[in-house]
C-alpha atoms as a PDB file:
ATOM      1  CA  MET A   1     -15.252  15.200  -3.410  1.00  0.00           C
ATOM      2  CA  ARG A   2     -14.676  11.243  -3.143  1.00  0.00           C
ATOM      3  CA  ALA A   3     -17.543  10.653  -5.149  1.00  0.00           C
ATOM      4  CA  SER A   4     -15.946  12.172  -8.194  1.00  0.00           C
ATOM      5  CA  LEU A   5     -12.623  10.447  -7.409  1.00  0.00           C
ATOM      6  CA  SER A   6     -14.454   7.012  -7.953  1.00  0.00           C
ATOM      7  CA  GLU A   7     -15.198   7.897 -11.248  1.00  0.00           C
ATOM      8  CA  ILE A   8     -11.481   8.079 -12.439  1.00  0.00           C
ATOM      9  CA  ASP A   9     -11.085   4.976 -15.748  1.00  0.00           C
ATOM     10  CA  TYR A  10      -7.735   3.879 -14.820  1.00  0.00           C
ATOM     11  CA  ALA A  11      -6.933   2.544 -17.727  1.00  0.00           C
ATOM     12  CA  HIS A  12      -6.116   5.987 -19.219  1.00  0.00           C
ATOM     13  CA  PHE A  13      -3.030   5.709 -17.285  1.00  0.00           C
ATOM     14  CA  LEU A  14      -1.928   3.044 -19.899  1.00  0.00           C
ATOM     15  CA  SER A  15       0.834   3.725 -22.331  1.00  0.00           C
ATOM     16  CA  VAL A  16       1.961   1.967 -25.476  1.00  0.00           C
ATOM     17  CA  ARG A  17       5.487   1.450 -24.401  1.00  0.00           C
ATOM     18  CA  GLN A  18       5.119   1.466 -20.377  1.00  0.00           C
ATOM     19  CA  LEU A  19       4.134  -0.293 -17.371  1.00  0.00           C
ATOM     20  CA  ALA A  20       1.697   0.910 -15.346  1.00  0.00           C
ATOM     21  CA  ILE A  21       1.474  -0.284 -11.656  1.00  0.00           C
ATOM     22  CA  PHE A  22      -1.585   0.241  -9.915  1.00  0.00           C
ATOM     23  CA  ARG A  23      -1.532  -0.197  -6.070  1.00  0.00           C
ATOM     24  CA  PHE A  24      -4.778  -1.199  -4.250  1.00  0.00           C
ATOM     25  CA  CYS A  25      -4.704  -1.706  -0.208  1.00  0.00           C
ATOM     26  CA  GLY A  26      -7.752  -3.302   1.238  1.00  0.00           C
ATOM     27  CA  VAL A  27     -11.271  -4.409  -1.075  1.00  0.00           C
ATOM     28  CA  THR A  28     -14.453  -4.828   0.939  1.00  0.00           C
ATOM     29  CA  ASP A  29     -17.055  -6.934   0.501  1.00  0.00           C
ATOM     30  CA  LYS A  30     -19.794  -3.907   0.651  1.00  0.00           C
ATOM     31  CA  ARG A  31     -19.619  -0.027   0.015  1.00  0.00           C
ATOM     32  CA  ARG A  32     -19.206   1.422   3.358  1.00  0.00           C
ATOM     33  CA  GLU A  33     -20.256   4.970   4.594  1.00  0.00           C
ATOM     34  CA  GLY A  34     -18.065   7.164   6.809  1.00  0.00           C
ATOM     35  CA  LEU A  35     -14.582   8.364   6.932  1.00  0.00           C
ATOM     36  CA  ARG A  36     -12.599   4.972   6.946  1.00  0.00           C
ATOM     37  CA  GLY A  37     -14.988   3.250   4.635  1.00  0.00           C
ATOM     38  CA  LEU A  38     -14.261   6.620   1.897  1.00  0.00           C
ATOM     39  CA  THR A  39     -10.583   7.558   2.436  1.00  0.00           C
ATOM     40  CA  GLY A  40      -9.821   5.013  -0.724  1.00  0.00           C
ATOM     41  CA  ARG A  41      -7.880   2.857   0.695  1.00  0.00           C
ATOM     42  CA  HIS A  42     -10.731   0.294   1.168  1.00  0.00           C
ATOM     43  CA  LEU A  43     -12.048  -0.041  -2.110  1.00  0.00           C
ATOM     44  CA  ALA A  44     -15.883  -1.804  -2.552  1.00  0.00           C
ATOM     45  CA  GLY A  45     -15.664  -5.058  -4.545  1.00  0.00           C
ATOM     46  CA  ASP A  46     -17.768  -4.006  -7.065  1.00  0.00           C
ATOM     47  CA  ARG A  47     -15.456  -0.779  -7.847  1.00  0.00           C
ATOM     48  CA  PHE A  48     -12.211  -3.228  -8.005  1.00  0.00           C
ATOM     49  CA  ARG A  49     -13.872  -5.687  -9.974  1.00  0.00           C
ATOM     50  CA  ALA A  50     -14.792  -2.716 -12.531  1.00  0.00           C
ATOM     51  CA  VAL A  51     -11.383  -1.210 -12.493  1.00  0.00           C
ATOM     52  CA  LEU A  52      -9.654  -4.404 -13.483  1.00  0.00           C
ATOM     53  CA  CYS A  53     -12.155  -5.161 -16.104  1.00  0.00           C
ATOM     54  CA  SER A  54     -11.520  -1.720 -17.820  1.00  0.00           C
ATOM     55  CA  LEU A  55      -7.948  -2.536 -17.225  1.00  0.00           C
ATOM     56  CA  LYS A  56      -8.207  -5.845 -18.653  1.00  0.00           C
ATOM     57  CA  GLU A  57     -10.050  -4.719 -21.989  1.00  0.00           C
ATOM     58  CA  ALA A  58      -7.195  -1.783 -22.711  1.00  0.00           C
ATOM     59  CA  GLY A  59      -4.127  -3.531 -21.853  1.00  0.00           C
ATOM     60  CA  THR A  60      -1.941  -6.465 -20.685  1.00  0.00           C
ATOM     61  CA  ALA A  61      -1.897  -7.733 -17.349  1.00  0.00           C
ATOM     62  CA  LEU A  62       1.621  -8.760 -16.523  1.00  0.00           C
ATOM     63  CA  SER A  63       3.111  -9.669 -13.258  1.00  0.00           C
ATOM     64  CA  LEU A  64       6.103  -8.165 -11.718  1.00  0.00           C
ATOM     65  CA  ASP A  65       8.537 -11.221 -12.603  1.00  0.00           C
ATOM     66  CA  ASP A  66       7.376 -11.075 -16.391  1.00  0.00           C
ATOM     67  CA  TYR A  67       8.480  -7.081 -16.212  1.00  0.00           C
ATOM     68  CA  LEU A  68      11.698  -7.689 -15.019  1.00  0.00           C
ATOM     69  CA  ALA A  69      12.274 -10.876 -17.787  1.00  0.00           C
ATOM     70  CA  ILE A  70      11.298  -8.799 -20.252  1.00  0.00           C
ATOM     71  CA  GLY A  71      14.085  -6.217 -19.268  1.00  0.00           C
ATOM     72  CA  ARG A  72      16.505  -8.914 -19.253  1.00  0.00           C
ATOM     73  CA  ALA A  73      16.085 -10.141 -22.476  1.00  0.00           C
ATOM     74  CA  GLY A  74      15.916  -6.769 -24.051  1.00  0.00           C
ATOM     75  CA  ARG A  75      12.788  -7.137 -25.376  1.00  0.00           C
ATOM     76  CA  GLY A  76       9.454  -4.622 -25.541  1.00  0.00           C
ATOM     77  CA  LEU A  77       6.252  -4.274 -23.534  1.00  0.00           C
ATOM     78  CA  PRO A  78       3.478  -5.446 -24.523  1.00  0.00           C
ATOM     79  CA  GLU A  79       0.827  -2.657 -25.138  1.00  0.00           C
ATOM     80  CA  HIS A  80      -0.753  -0.533 -22.725  1.00  0.00           C
ATOM     81  CA  ALA A  81       1.054  -3.241 -20.128  1.00  0.00           C
ATOM     82  CA  PHE A  82      -0.605  -3.258 -15.979  1.00  0.00           C
ATOM     83  CA  ALA A  83       0.142  -4.963 -12.939  1.00  0.00           C
ATOM     84  CA  VAL A  84      -1.319  -4.907 -10.111  1.00  0.00           C
ATOM     85  CA  THR A  85       0.103  -4.798  -6.469  1.00  0.00           C
ATOM     86  CA  PHE A  86      -1.455  -4.748  -2.538  1.00  0.00           C
ATOM     87  CA  ASP A  87       0.265  -2.876   0.147  1.00  0.00           C
ATOM     88  CA  ILE A  88      -0.017  -3.868   3.973  1.00  0.00           C
ATOM     89  CA  GLY A  89      -2.131  -7.284   3.656  1.00  0.00           C
ATOM     90  CA  TYR A  90      -5.182  -6.802   4.494  1.00  0.00           C
ATOM     91  CA  LYS A  91      -7.358 -10.307   5.034  1.00  0.00           C
ATOM     92  CA  THR A  92     -10.036  -8.472   2.179  1.00  0.00           C
ATOM     93  CA  ALA A  93      -6.767  -9.092  -0.296  1.00  0.00           C
ATOM     94  CA  ALA A  94      -7.573 -12.694  -0.131  1.00  0.00           C
ATOM     95  CA  THR A  95     -11.110 -13.162   0.515  1.00  0.00           C
ATOM     96  CA  VAL A  96     -12.556 -10.414  -1.622  1.00  0.00           C
ATOM     97  CA  ALA A  97      -9.867  -9.303  -4.386  1.00  0.00           C
ATOM     98  CA  ALA A  98      -7.888 -12.371  -4.816  1.00  0.00           C
ATOM     99  CA  PRO A  99     -11.166 -14.522  -6.323  1.00  0.00           C
ATOM    100  CA  ILE A 100     -12.204 -11.721  -8.541  1.00  0.00           C
ATOM    101  CA  LEU A 101      -8.469 -11.588  -9.733  1.00  0.00           C
ATOM    102  CA  GLU A 102      -8.598 -15.315 -10.396  1.00  0.00           C
ATOM    103  CA  GLU A 103     -11.500 -15.291 -12.295  1.00  0.00           C
ATOM    104  CA  LEU A 104     -10.232 -12.368 -14.697  1.00  0.00           C
ATOM    105  CA  ARG A 105      -7.010 -14.597 -14.675  1.00  0.00           C
ATOM    106  CA  ILE A 106      -4.896 -11.508 -13.414  1.00  0.00           C
ATOM    107  CA  PRO A 107      -1.679 -11.850 -11.641  1.00  0.00           C
ATOM    108  CA  ALA A 108      -1.306  -9.696  -8.534  1.00  0.00           C
ATOM    109  CA  THR A 109       1.943  -9.316  -6.276  1.00  0.00           C
ATOM    110  CA  PHE A 110       0.997  -8.562  -2.493  1.00  0.00           C
ATOM    111  CA  TYR A 111       3.270  -6.927   0.030  1.00  0.00           C
ATOM    112  CA  LEU A 112       2.848  -8.034   3.707  1.00  0.00           C
ATOM    113  CA  THR A 113       3.499  -6.014   7.057  1.00  0.00           C
ATOM    114  CA  THR A 114       4.909  -9.018   9.028  1.00  0.00           C
ATOM    115  CA  ALA A 115       4.292  -8.089  12.352  1.00  0.00           C
ATOM    116  CA  LEU A 116       0.582  -7.025  11.477  1.00  0.00           C
ATOM    117  CA  ALA A 117      -0.187 -10.409  10.025  1.00  0.00           C
ATOM    118  CA  GLY A 118      -3.083 -12.778  11.865  1.00  0.00           C
ATOM    119  CA  THR A 119      -4.260  -9.546  13.741  1.00  0.00           C
ATOM    120  CA  SER A 120      -6.610  -6.462  13.266  1.00  0.00           C
ATOM    121  CA  GLN A 121      -3.743  -4.012  14.741  1.00  0.00           C
ATOM    122  CA  ALA A 122      -4.009  -0.551  12.607  1.00  0.00           C
ATOM    123  CA  PRO A 123      -1.099   0.938  10.957  1.00  0.00           C
ATOM    124  CA  TRP A 124      -0.808   4.489  12.043  1.00  0.00           C
ATOM    125  CA  ILE A 125      -2.573   6.353   9.175  1.00  0.00           C
ATOM    126  CA  ASP A 126      -5.438   3.745  10.481  1.00  0.00           C
ATOM    127  CA  GLU A 127      -5.317   5.287  13.577  1.00  0.00           C
ATOM    128  CA  VAL A 128      -5.618   8.313  12.065  1.00  0.00           C
ATOM    129  CA  GLU A 129      -8.512   8.046  10.467  1.00  0.00           C
ATOM    130  CA  TYR A 130     -10.231   6.324  13.471  1.00  0.00           C
ATOM    131  CA  ALA A 131      -9.900   9.058  15.638  1.00  0.00           C
ATOM    132  CA  PHE A 132     -10.882  11.704  13.081  1.00  0.00           C
ATOM    133  CA  GLU A 133     -14.386   9.433  12.486  1.00  0.00           C
ATOM    134  CA  ARG A 134     -15.151   9.797  15.871  1.00  0.00           C
ATOM    135  CA  ALA A 135     -14.618  12.901  16.691  1.00  0.00           C
ATOM    136  CA  GLU A 136     -17.266  15.704  15.740  1.00  0.00           C
ATOM    137  CA  GLU A 137     -14.573  18.684  15.288  1.00  0.00           C
ATOM    138  CA  VAL A 138     -10.977  18.194  14.503  1.00  0.00           C
ATOM    139  CA  ARG A 139      -8.581  20.730  16.084  1.00  0.00           C
ATOM    140  CA  LEU A 140      -5.293  20.236  16.642  1.00  0.00           C
ATOM    141  CA  GLU A 141      -2.246  21.655  18.071  1.00  0.00           C
ATOM    142  CA  GLY A 142       1.494  21.591  18.028  1.00  0.00           C
ATOM    143  CA  MET A 143       1.754  19.625  15.180  1.00  0.00           C
ATOM    144  CA  PRO A 144       4.782  19.785  12.760  1.00  0.00           C
ATOM    145  CA  ASP A 145       3.383  22.119  10.379  1.00  0.00           C
ATOM    146  CA  PRO A 146       0.829  24.768  10.569  1.00  0.00           C
ATOM    147  CA  ALA A 147      -1.191  23.533   7.940  1.00  0.00           C
ATOM    148  CA  LEU A 148      -2.597  20.968  10.268  1.00  0.00           C
ATOM    149  CA  HIS A 149      -3.667  23.234  13.069  1.00  0.00           C
ATOM    150  CA  ALA A 150      -7.134  24.680  10.912  1.00  0.00           C
ATOM    151  CA  PRO A 151     -10.167  22.847  12.933  1.00  0.00           C
ATOM    152  CA  CYS A 152     -12.199  20.551  10.957  1.00  0.00           C
ATOM    153  CA  ARG A 153     -15.964  19.745  10.852  1.00  0.00           C
ATOM    154  CA  THR A 154     -16.535  18.100   7.833  1.00  0.00           C
ATOM    155  CA  PHE A 155     -16.454  14.969   5.762  1.00  0.00           C
ATOM    156  CA  ALA A 156     -14.392  17.159   3.193  1.00  0.00           C
ATOM    157  CA  GLU A 157     -12.546  19.167   5.542  1.00  0.00           C
ATOM    158  CA  LYS A 158     -11.416  15.978   7.742  1.00  0.00           C
ATOM    159  CA  LEU A 159     -10.566  14.320   4.012  1.00  0.00           C
ATOM    160  CA  ALA A 160      -8.200  17.141   2.765  1.00  0.00           C
ATOM    161  CA  LEU A 161      -6.507  17.023   6.398  1.00  0.00           C
ATOM    162  CA  LEU A 162      -5.809  13.534   5.794  1.00  0.00           C
ATOM    163  CA  GLU A 163      -4.203  13.788   2.923  1.00  0.00           C
ATOM    164  CA  ARG A 164      -2.420  16.723   4.083  1.00  0.00           C
ATOM    165  CA  ILE A 165      -1.026  14.576   7.086  1.00  0.00           C
ATOM    166  CA  ARG A 166      -0.274  12.110   4.595  1.00  0.00           C
ATOM    167  CA  ALA A 167       1.869  14.335   2.658  1.00  0.00           C
ATOM    168  CA  ILE A 168       3.704  15.860   5.623  1.00  0.00           C
ATOM    169  CA  ILE A 169       4.960  12.815   7.439  1.00  0.00           C
ATOM    170  CA  ALA A 170       5.758  11.345   3.754  1.00  0.00           C
ATOM    171  CA  HIS A 171       8.111  14.459   3.627  1.00  0.00           C
ATOM    172  CA  HIS A 172       9.672  14.711   7.136  1.00  0.00           C
ATOM    173  CA  PRO A 173      11.264  11.950   7.869  1.00  0.00           C
ATOM    174  CA  ALA A 174      12.289  12.735  11.715  1.00  0.00           C
ATOM    175  CA  VAL A 175       8.500  12.383  12.847  1.00  0.00           C
ATOM    176  CA  ASP A 176       7.266   9.222  13.563  1.00  0.00           C
ATOM    177  CA  PRO A 177       4.454   8.408  12.336  1.00  0.00           C
ATOM    178  CA  GLY A 178       3.015   6.125  15.344  1.00  0.00           C
ATOM    179  CA  ALA A 179       4.062   8.683  17.949  1.00  0.00           C
ATOM    180  CA  PHE A 180       2.259  11.065  15.643  1.00  0.00           C
ATOM    181  CA  ALA A 181      -0.910   8.634  15.595  1.00  0.00           C
ATOM    182  CA  ARG A 182      -1.069   8.705  19.582  1.00  0.00           C
ATOM    183  CA  GLU A 183      -0.450  12.632  20.065  1.00  0.00           C
ATOM    184  CA  VAL A 184      -3.398  12.729  17.711  1.00  0.00           C
ATOM    185  CA  TRP A 185      -5.596  10.047  19.482  1.00  0.00           C
ATOM    186  CA  ARG A 186      -4.264  12.005  22.950  1.00  0.00           C
ATOM    187  CA  GLN A 187      -5.703  15.558  21.667  1.00  0.00           C
ATOM    188  CA  LEU A 188      -9.203  13.973  20.090  1.00  0.00           C
ATOM    189  CA  GLY A 189      -9.703  11.573  23.508  1.00  0.00           C
ATOM    190  CA  VAL A 190      -9.515   8.298  22.221  1.00  0.00           C
ATOM    191  CA  ARG A 191      -8.174   5.613  24.753  1.00  0.00           C
ATOM    192  CA  GLU A 192      -8.419   2.545  22.306  1.00  0.00           C
ATOM    193  CA  MET A 193      -9.556   1.425  18.679  1.00  0.00           C
ATOM    194  CA  GLU A 194     -12.516  -1.084  18.079  1.00  0.00           C
ATOM    195  CA  ALA A 195     -11.486  -3.026  15.251  1.00  0.00           C
ATOM    196  CA  ASP A 196     -13.827  -3.028  12.513  1.00  0.00           C
ATOM    197  CA  PRO A 197     -14.026  -6.747  10.805  1.00  0.00           C
ATOM    198  CA  GLY A 198     -14.608  -5.298   7.491  1.00  0.00           C
ATOM    199  CA  LEU A 199     -11.072  -3.328   7.422  1.00  0.00           C
ATOM    200  CA  ASP A 200      -8.871  -3.919   9.995  1.00  0.00           C
ATOM    201  CA  PRO A 201      -7.965  -7.707  10.050  1.00  0.00           C
ATOM    202  CA  LYS A 202      -4.675  -8.628   8.346  1.00  0.00           C
ATOM    203  CA  LEU A 203      -4.035 -12.022   6.177  1.00  0.00           C
ATOM    204  CA  ALA A 204      -3.226 -15.128   8.769  1.00  0.00           C
ATOM    205  CA  TRP A 205      -0.085 -16.981   7.916  1.00  0.00           C
ATOM    206  CA  ALA A 206      -1.934 -19.706   6.482  1.00  0.00           C
ATOM    207  CA  GLU A 207      -4.046 -17.231   4.142  1.00  0.00           C
ATOM    208  CA  ILE A 208      -0.683 -16.044   3.237  1.00  0.00           C
ATOM    209  CA  ARG A 209       0.846 -19.672   2.317  1.00  0.00           C
ATOM    210  CA  GLU A 210      -2.545 -20.201   0.399  1.00  0.00           C
ATOM    211  CA  LEU A 211      -1.835 -17.322  -1.359  1.00  0.00           C
ATOM    212  CA  ALA A 212       1.698 -18.217  -2.334  1.00  0.00           C
ATOM    213  CA  ARG A 213       0.913 -21.258  -3.678  1.00  0.00           C
ATOM    214  CA  ASN A 214      -1.390 -19.730  -6.126  1.00  0.00           C
ATOM    215  CA  SER A 215       0.436 -19.557  -9.753  1.00  0.00           C
ATOM    216  CA  LEU A 216      -1.023 -16.175 -10.242  1.00  0.00           C
ATOM    217  CA  PHE A 217       0.358 -14.706  -7.167  1.00  0.00           C
ATOM    218  CA  LYS A 218       3.068 -13.433  -5.734  1.00  0.00           C
ATOM    219  CA  VAL A 219       3.805 -12.553  -2.042  1.00  0.00           C
ATOM    220  CA  GLY A 220       6.593  -9.653  -0.809  1.00  0.00           C
ATOM    221  CA  GLY A 221       7.584  -7.757   1.855  1.00  0.00           C
ATOM    222  CA  HIS A 222       6.088  -4.188   2.893  1.00  0.00           C
ATOM    223  CA  GLY A 223       8.637  -3.719   6.444  1.00  0.00           C
ATOM    224  CA  HIS A 224       7.786  -5.371   9.637  1.00  0.00           C
ATOM    225  CA  THR A 225       6.042  -2.760  11.983  1.00  0.00           C
ATOM    226  CA  TYR A 226       4.909  -0.433   8.782  1.00  0.00           C
ATOM    227  CA  ARG A 227       7.838   2.293   9.418  1.00  0.00           C
ATOM    228  CA  ALA A 228       9.536   4.402   6.558  1.00  0.00           C
ATOM    229  CA  LEU A 229      12.289   2.989   6.354  1.00  0.00           C
ATOM    230  CA  SER A 230      14.691   5.681   5.089  1.00  0.00           C
ATOM    231  CA  ALA A 231      13.967   7.013   8.842  1.00  0.00           C
ATOM    232  CA  LEU A 232      15.236   4.314  10.719  1.00  0.00           C
ATOM    233  CA  SER A 233      19.150   4.409  12.138  1.00  0.00           C
ATOM    234  CA  PRO A 234      21.584   1.772   9.951  1.00  0.00           C
ATOM    235  CA  GLY A 235      20.932  -0.646  12.694  1.00  0.00           C
ATOM    236  CA  ASP A 236      17.069  -0.739  13.049  1.00  0.00           C
ATOM    237  CA  LEU A 237      16.848  -0.674   9.158  1.00  0.00           C
ATOM    238  CA  ASP A 238      18.918  -3.509   9.206  1.00  0.00           C
ATOM    239  CA  ARG A 239      16.793  -5.528  11.667  1.00  0.00           C
ATOM    240  CA  GLU A 240      13.201  -4.088  10.089  1.00  0.00           C
ATOM    241  CA  VAL A 241      14.429  -5.639   6.680  1.00  0.00           C
ATOM    242  CA  SER A 242      15.831  -8.730   7.901  1.00  0.00           C
ATOM    243  CA  GLU A 243      13.031  -9.513  10.657  1.00  0.00           C
ATOM    244  CA  SER A 244      10.148  -9.266   7.715  1.00  0.00           C
ATOM    245  CA  VAL A 245      12.225 -10.958   5.289  1.00  0.00           C
ATOM    246  CA  SER A 246      12.756 -13.799   7.611  1.00  0.00           C
ATOM    247  CA  ARG A 247       9.401 -14.195   8.726  1.00  0.00           C
ATOM    248  CA  LEU A 248       8.388 -14.477   5.023  1.00  0.00           C
ATOM    249  CA  GLY A 249      10.898 -17.140   4.317  1.00  0.00           C
ATOM    250  CA  ARG A 250      10.328 -19.195   7.452  1.00  0.00           C
ATOM    251  CA  HIS A 251       6.455 -19.584   6.934  1.00  0.00           C
ATOM    252  CA  LEU A 252       6.469 -19.402   2.767  1.00  0.00           C
ATOM    253  CA  GLY A 253       9.780 -22.294   2.570  1.00  0.00           C
ATOM    254  CA  GLU A 254      11.596 -19.358   0.568  1.00  0.00           C
ATOM    255  CA  PHE A 255      12.967 -15.209   0.651  1.00  0.00           C
ATOM    256  CA  PRO A 256      10.868 -13.071  -1.122  1.00  0.00           C
ATOM    257  CA  ARG A 257      12.409 -11.422  -4.290  1.00  0.00           C
ATOM    258  CA  HIS A 258       9.551  -8.587  -3.643  1.00  0.00           C
ATOM    259  CA  TYR A 259       9.145  -5.631  -1.842  1.00  0.00           C
ATOM    260  CA  SER A 260       7.562  -2.097  -1.290  1.00  0.00           C
ATOM    261  CA  TYR A 261       8.162   0.391   0.792  1.00  0.00           C
ATOM    262  CA  PRO A 262       6.187   1.582   3.818  1.00  0.00           C
ATOM    263  CA  GLU A 263       5.743   5.508   3.263  1.00  0.00           C
ATOM    264  CA  GLY A 264       7.549   4.586  -0.145  1.00  0.00           C
ATOM    265  CA  THR A 265       7.526   8.849  -1.630  1.00  0.00           C
ATOM    266  CA  ASP A 266      10.523  10.063  -2.850  1.00  0.00           C
ATOM    267  CA  LEU A 267      11.971  11.270   0.535  1.00  0.00           C
ATOM    268  CA  GLY A 268      11.274   7.539   2.040  1.00  0.00           C
ATOM    269  CA  VAL A 269      13.605   5.577  -0.650  1.00  0.00           C
ATOM    270  CA  SER A 270      17.347   6.116   0.019  1.00  0.00           C
ATOM    271  CA  PRO A 271      20.379   4.746  -1.509  1.00  0.00           C
ATOM    272  CA  ARG A 272      21.162   3.344   1.672  1.00  0.00           C
ATOM    273  CA  VAL A 273      17.611   1.606   2.077  1.00  0.00           C
ATOM    274  CA  ILE A 274      18.210  -0.038  -1.577  1.00  0.00           C
ATOM    275  CA  GLU A 275      21.162  -1.424  -0.457  1.00  0.00           C
ATOM    276  CA  SER A 276      19.581  -2.923   2.801  1.00  0.00           C
ATOM    277  CA  LEU A 277      17.245  -4.573   0.542  1.00  0.00           C
ATOM    278  CA  ARG A 278      19.554  -5.750  -2.126  1.00  0.00           C
ATOM    279  CA  ALA A 279      21.594  -7.204   0.754  1.00  0.00           C
ATOM    280  CA  HIS A 280      18.605  -9.483   1.677  1.00  0.00           C
ATOM    281  CA  GLY A 281      18.102 -10.862  -1.696  1.00  0.00           C
ATOM    282  CA  VAL A 282      15.107  -8.644  -3.059  1.00  0.00           C
ATOM    283  CA  VAL A 283      15.203  -7.923  -6.524  1.00  0.00           C
ATOM    284  CA  CYS A 284      12.306  -5.308  -7.424  1.00  0.00           C
ATOM    285  CA  ALA A 285      10.371  -2.875  -5.140  1.00  0.00           C
ATOM    286  CA  PRO A 286       8.099  -0.250  -6.237  1.00  0.00           C
ATOM    287  CA  THR A 287       7.858   3.305  -4.448  1.00  0.00           C
ATOM    288  CA  SER A 288       4.364   5.491  -4.167  1.00  0.00           C
ATOM    289  CA  MET A 289       5.756   7.624  -6.258  1.00  0.00           C
ATOM    290  CA  PRO A 290       2.969   8.183  -9.055  1.00  0.00           C
ATOM    291  CA  GLY A 291       4.160   7.726 -12.674  1.00  0.00           C
ATOM    292  CA  VAL A 292       4.431   4.766 -15.242  1.00  0.00           C
ATOM    293  CA  ASN A 293       8.061   2.537 -15.327  1.00  0.00           C
ATOM    294  CA  GLY A 294       9.856   1.963 -19.189  1.00  0.00           C
ATOM    295  CA  VAL A 295      12.113  -1.175 -19.895  1.00  0.00           C
ATOM    296  CA  GLY A 296      15.101  -0.925 -17.957  1.00  0.00           C
ATOM    297  CA  ASP A 297      13.677   0.993 -15.487  1.00  0.00           C
ATOM    298  CA  ASP A 298      15.278   0.836 -11.810  1.00  0.00           C
ATOM    299  CA  PRO A 299      13.619  -1.720 -10.194  1.00  0.00           C
ATOM    300  CA  PHE A 300      13.808  -0.159  -6.742  1.00  0.00           C
ATOM    301  CA  ARG A 301      12.531   3.073  -8.062  1.00  0.00           C
ATOM    302  CA  LEU A 302       9.424   1.959  -9.915  1.00  0.00           C
ATOM    303  CA  LYS A 303       6.624   4.027  -9.917  1.00  0.00           C
ATOM    304  CA  ARG A 304       2.965   3.201  -9.005  1.00  0.00           C
ATOM    305  CA  ILE A 305      -0.394   4.580  -9.158  1.00  0.00           C
ATOM    306  CA  SER A 306      -2.863   4.571  -6.381  1.00  0.00           C
ATOM    307  CA  VAL A 307      -6.254   3.422  -7.133  1.00  0.00           C
ATOM    308  CA  THR A 308      -8.837   5.038  -5.104  1.00  0.00           C
END
């Protein structure tokens, strides 16, 4: 199932007068077996290079600042324009992906979850994947959707259930993803997570500063604790955005103008969240909703294509 997805030529998503924004997370130094290495969020370095080479051969790489400037000037986009973005802030984005981007002269924006900087702590979905990988059989009870109750044993069954979980959590803002992951751990008998040194470490602040000094790269926010912003109370939303923006500003010497939404689906991007981001100086925030973008599209509702 996953092997067929790896053959996708993402250049097919490029359009004549639109911008395709591609979303990556981690890029590993070698191909990895097991569920966590094959869910698509940790792309092998050779596959990452192949995707970028195909895009560069077919189109024109832009930064998101380039895209915004084109919109302000009322100009048209270059043919088959594309942009590269990363979410969360995995260390491999700098150690593996950045050198490839530099070699190919492709700009990128790195959106960081600030509470995770310098740690190997896992976002909730990594915790669920870890539990699924360790369990011989996954059988869940009392979940927010009956579709999650079907037992599964094979890789394909576990992968399908993980994808279903992502969709359900994204469309149920009242469900706390962290609490959901803890319940999965309880039911599957997981007590603690052993970090994978090739997958789990996040960028330390010194590495983040080095990325920000590179003229090809921009650093932005991706929440402070990786919670869906639209599910937070007004006070918690302000604290979550303020903490992430202020930490980036304190460590980088300037406040971020770019942001991406944790769990940024149609239900995760609300007017209240956009208002908070604007109030903190953010000018552009792509979502996780699939699609491409034209000149003048709302910079707080830009669509992205997830690369797996």
